[in-house]
Structure formats: C-alpha cells, structure tokens
Amino acid sequence: MINGDSSVRGIFSVLVNLFKYLETVSVLLMISVAAIALNHTIRTGEVSSDIVPLITLYEHDDKRIYPEIYQHEEDVLNETP
C-alpha cells in the first residue's frame, strides 16, 4: 500500500508542476499580447476595433444588471449647477 501512495503522490506532483508551467506560459502570453496591443495603440493613437464592441457589451450588461446605479449616474451628469 505504501508504493501505491507514493505513486499517487508522484503523479500529483507531476500534475502540479505541469499546471504551474501552464499558468506561467498563459500569463506570459497575456502580457505579450497586452504589450503588443499597447504598442500599437501608442503608435497609431487608436483603440483596436475588436475591443470596442466588447467594452460596450459589458457596459450594456452592467446597465441591465444594475439599472439603478446607471440611472443615478445619468441623473447626476444631467444636473445643472
């Protein structure tokens, strides 16, 4: 039974290390994509057309989920001093 426990621990250890490497690679990939996008935005002065619909999609979803917060913000913006 001791050999069975050690083999399970060995497999678990290998899986943990594999996921650590996968996490590191995914974080580096995200940082690389963000750096390339930022560099493009700085050089051209325009936001990528792919991200604008995504931002408005989330904003629309937030307005649907939290209508009272957005209504309050619009009321405050429309007030005249």
Protein backbone atom coordinates (compact mmCIF):
# COMPACT_ATOMS: atom_id res chain seq x y z
CA MET A 1 0.00 0.00 0.00
CA ILE A 2 2.92 2.34 0.61
CA ASN A 3 4.04 2.03 -3.01
CA GLY A 4 0.53 2.94 -4.18
CA ASP A 5 0.54 6.11 -2.07
CA SER A 6 3.93 7.19 -3.35
CA SER A 7 2.93 6.68 -6.99
CA VAL A 8 -0.21 8.76 -6.46
CA ARG A 9 1.89 11.47 -4.82
CA GLY A 10 4.34 11.29 -7.73
CA ILE A 11 1.57 11.70 -10.30
CA PHE A 12 0.06 14.52 -8.26
CA SER A 13 3.44 16.23 -8.05
CA VAL A 14 3.91 15.96 -11.81
CA LEU A 15 0.43 17.40 -12.43
CA VAL A 16 1.07 20.29 -10.02
CA ASN A 17 4.32 21.14 -11.81
CA LEU A 18 2.64 20.86 -15.20
CA PHE A 19 -0.10 23.29 -14.16
CA LYS A 20 2.49 25.70 -12.75
CA TYR A 21 4.23 25.75 -16.12
CA LEU A 22 0.95 26.13 -17.99
CA GLU A 23 -0.02 29.04 -15.73
CA THR A 24 3.33 30.71 -16.31
CA VAL A 25 3.05 30.31 -20.07
CA SER A 26 -0.51 31.66 -20.13
CA VAL A 27 0.43 34.71 -18.04
CA LEU A 28 3.42 35.42 -20.29
CA LEU A 29 1.21 35.08 -23.36
CA MET A 30 -1.35 37.54 -21.96
CA ILE A 31 1.39 40.02 -21.07
CA SER A 32 2.86 39.70 -24.56
CA VAL A 33 -0.49 40.30 -26.25
CA ALA A 34 -1.17 43.29 -23.98
CA ALA A 35 2.26 44.75 -24.72
CA ILE A 36 1.76 44.39 -28.47
CA ALA A 37 -1.71 45.95 -28.27
CA LEU A 38 -0.43 48.82 -26.13
CA ASN A 39 2.45 49.44 -28.51
CA HIS A 40 0.04 49.52 -31.46
CA THR A 41 -2.30 51.89 -29.62
CA ILE A 42 0.51 54.26 -28.68
CA ARG A 43 1.92 54.34 -32.21
CA THR A 44 -1.39 54.74 -34.06
CA GLY A 45 -3.43 56.57 -31.44
CA GLU A 46 -6.47 54.40 -31.98
CA VAL A 47 -8.01 51.58 -29.98
CA SER A 48 -8.30 48.23 -31.70
CA SER A 49 -11.70 47.86 -33.30
CA ASP A 50 -12.05 44.39 -31.78
CA ILE A 51 -12.09 45.63 -28.21
CA VAL A 52 -14.62 48.47 -28.53
CA PRO A 53 -17.67 46.21 -29.08
CA LEU A 54 -16.50 44.05 -26.18
CA ILE A 55 -16.38 47.06 -23.84
CA THR A 56 -19.82 48.26 -24.90
CA LEU A 57 -21.18 44.74 -24.49
CA TYR A 58 -20.04 44.65 -20.86
CA GLU A 59 -21.34 48.17 -20.25
CA HIS A 60 -24.74 47.21 -21.66
CA ASP A 61 -24.79 44.10 -19.48
CA ASP A 62 -23.93 46.18 -16.40
CA LYS A 63 -26.76 48.59 -17.21
CA ARG A 64 -29.14 45.65 -17.43
CA ILE A 65 -27.98 44.13 -14.14
CA TYR A 66 -27.60 47.36 -12.15
CA PRO A 67 -30.08 49.84 -13.67
CA GLU A 68 -30.42 51.97 -10.53
CA ILE A 69 -26.68 52.71 -10.40
CA TYR A 70 -26.54 53.83 -14.03
CA GLN A 71 -29.75 55.84 -13.64
CA HIS A 72 -28.22 57.66 -10.66
CA GLU A 73 -25.04 58.39 -12.66
CA GLU A 74 -27.10 59.76 -15.56
CA ASP A 75 -29.16 61.90 -13.16
CA VAL A 76 -26.01 63.35 -11.63
CA LEU A 77 -24.49 64.05 -15.04
CA ASN A 78 -27.65 65.78 -16.26
CA GLU A 79 -27.98 68.06 -13.23
CA THR A 80 -27.20 71.69 -13.92
CA PRO A 81 -25.44 73.71 -11.21
